[in-house]
Amino acid sequence: MSDQNLMPQTDTKIQATASPLRCLTGAVISGGMGYAMYSLMIAIATNFATKPLHSINPLVIRISSAVRTLVVGVVALGSGIFGIVAIGLLALGVQLLVQELSKQKSSENQ
């Protein structure tokens, strides 16, 4: 082993500051992903509804019904989370913009 691998390396991490433009960009991306997952959920639910189960075994019907419900539920949960994140980022962007504008007004008045 070389001595370079034994020495701990320090990484300098630069923390990015939030800006209204970054928040708006993140909200658009998250909203787009939320809409895509919502469309996927509708397609999955429609596909499941148009293809009924062909079994007379009650256990098979119950398990497949539970799996179908879980699949649609997980995709709906993902869609909802992306939507909430988009709304939160949009609200943060508006808050930062208002703070920026009020800071400029207070500096002009002094």
Protein backbone atom coordinates (compact mmCIF):
# COMPACT_ATOMS: atom_id res chain seq x y z
CA MET A 1 0.00 0.00 0.00
CA SER A 2 1.15 3.47 -0.66
CA ASP A 3 1.15 6.26 1.89
CA GLN A 4 -1.40 8.23 -0.13
CA ASN A 5 -4.12 5.68 0.61
CA LEU A 6 -3.45 5.83 4.34
CA MET A 7 -3.71 9.60 4.63
CA PRO A 8 -7.25 10.93 5.06
CA GLN A 9 -8.19 13.29 2.30
CA THR A 10 -10.20 16.38 3.10
CA ASP A 11 -12.81 17.32 0.57
CA THR A 12 -13.85 20.92 0.41
CA LYS A 13 -17.58 21.07 0.06
CA ILE A 14 -19.21 24.15 -1.33
CA GLN A 15 -22.72 24.67 -0.06
CA ALA A 16 -25.02 26.00 -2.74
CA THR A 17 -27.31 28.81 -1.71
CA ALA A 18 -30.97 28.78 -2.60
CA SER A 19 -32.15 31.24 -5.19
CA PRO A 20 -35.56 31.86 -6.72
CA LEU A 21 -34.33 30.59 -10.10
CA ARG A 22 -33.04 27.34 -8.61
CA CYS A 23 -36.29 26.85 -6.73
CA LEU A 24 -38.33 27.48 -9.87
CA THR A 25 -36.18 25.07 -11.87
CA GLY A 26 -36.52 22.39 -9.21
CA ALA A 27 -40.27 22.94 -9.02
CA VAL A 28 -40.64 22.56 -12.78
CA ILE A 29 -38.60 19.36 -12.80
CA SER A 30 -40.44 17.91 -9.81
CA GLY A 31 -43.81 18.92 -11.23
CA GLY A 32 -42.95 17.30 -14.55
CA MET A 33 -41.93 14.08 -12.84
CA GLY A 34 -45.11 14.19 -10.73
CA TYR A 35 -47.24 14.61 -13.84
CA ALA A 36 -45.37 11.79 -15.58
CA MET A 37 -45.96 9.49 -12.61
CA TYR A 38 -49.63 10.52 -12.50
CA SER A 39 -49.98 9.65 -16.19
CA LEU A 40 -48.22 6.34 -15.54
CA MET A 41 -50.61 5.63 -12.66
CA ILE A 42 -53.65 6.28 -14.84
CA ALA A 43 -52.23 4.02 -17.57
CA ILE A 44 -51.52 1.23 -15.08
CA ALA A 45 -54.96 1.50 -13.48
CA THR A 46 -56.65 1.50 -16.88
CA ASN A 47 -54.62 -1.50 -17.97
CA PHE A 48 -55.55 -3.40 -14.82
CA ALA A 49 -59.22 -2.49 -15.25
CA THR A 50 -59.39 -3.67 -18.86
CA LYS A 51 -57.73 -7.02 -18.11
CA PRO A 52 -59.79 -8.95 -15.58
CA LEU A 53 -58.41 -11.90 -13.66
CA HIS A 54 -59.08 -15.33 -15.11
CA SER A 55 -59.08 -17.62 -12.13
CA ILE A 56 -61.61 -19.40 -9.96
CA ASN A 57 -59.22 -19.77 -7.04
CA PRO A 58 -60.19 -17.20 -4.36
CA LEU A 59 -56.63 -17.02 -3.01
CA VAL A 60 -55.25 -16.12 -6.44
CA ILE A 61 -57.90 -13.46 -6.88
CA ARG A 62 -57.19 -11.92 -3.46
CA ILE A 63 -53.42 -11.90 -3.91
CA SER A 64 -53.55 -10.47 -7.41
CA SER A 65 -56.04 -7.83 -6.29
CA ALA A 66 -53.70 -6.87 -3.44
CA VAL A 67 -50.70 -6.70 -5.78
CA ARG A 68 -52.61 -4.54 -8.26
CA THR A 69 -53.68 -2.22 -5.45
CA LEU A 70 -50.13 -1.99 -4.13
CA VAL A 71 -48.69 -1.21 -7.56
CA VAL A 72 -51.17 1.58 -8.21
CA GLY A 73 -50.76 2.86 -4.65
CA VAL A 74 -46.98 3.06 -4.81
CA VAL A 75 -47.09 4.96 -8.09
CA ALA A 76 -49.77 7.28 -6.67
CA LEU A 77 -47.61 7.89 -3.58
CA GLY A 78 -44.64 8.81 -5.76
CA SER A 79 -46.80 11.13 -7.83
CA GLY A 80 -48.12 12.83 -4.70
CA ILE A 81 -44.66 13.27 -3.20
CA PHE A 82 -43.31 14.86 -6.37
CA GLY A 83 -46.34 17.16 -6.47
CA ILE A 84 -45.87 18.25 -2.84
CA VAL A 85 -42.16 18.86 -3.45
CA ALA A 86 -43.00 20.99 -6.48
CA ILE A 87 -45.45 23.09 -4.46
CA GLY A 88 -42.92 23.48 -1.63
CA LEU A 89 -40.13 24.55 -3.97
CA LEU A 90 -42.44 27.03 -5.66
CA ALA A 91 -43.43 28.49 -2.29
CA LEU A 92 -39.77 28.70 -1.24
CA GLY A 93 -38.94 30.50 -4.48
CA VAL A 94 -41.70 33.04 -3.88
CA GLN A 95 -40.53 33.52 -0.28
CA LEU A 96 -36.93 34.10 -1.39
CA LEU A 97 -38.09 36.53 -4.07
CA VAL A 98 -40.14 38.52 -1.56
CA GLN A 99 -37.21 38.61 0.87
CA GLU A 100 -34.91 39.78 -1.90
CA LEU A 101 -37.30 42.55 -2.94
CA SER A 102 -37.88 43.71 0.63
CA LYS A 103 -34.13 43.75 1.25
CA GLN A 104 -33.64 45.95 -1.83
CA LYS A 105 -36.40 48.34 -0.71
CA SER A 106 -34.93 48.66 2.78
CA SER A 107 -31.47 49.39 1.36
CA GLU A 108 -32.92 52.08 -0.95
CA ASN A 109 -34.77 53.81 1.91
CA GLN A 110 -31.62 54.15 4.04
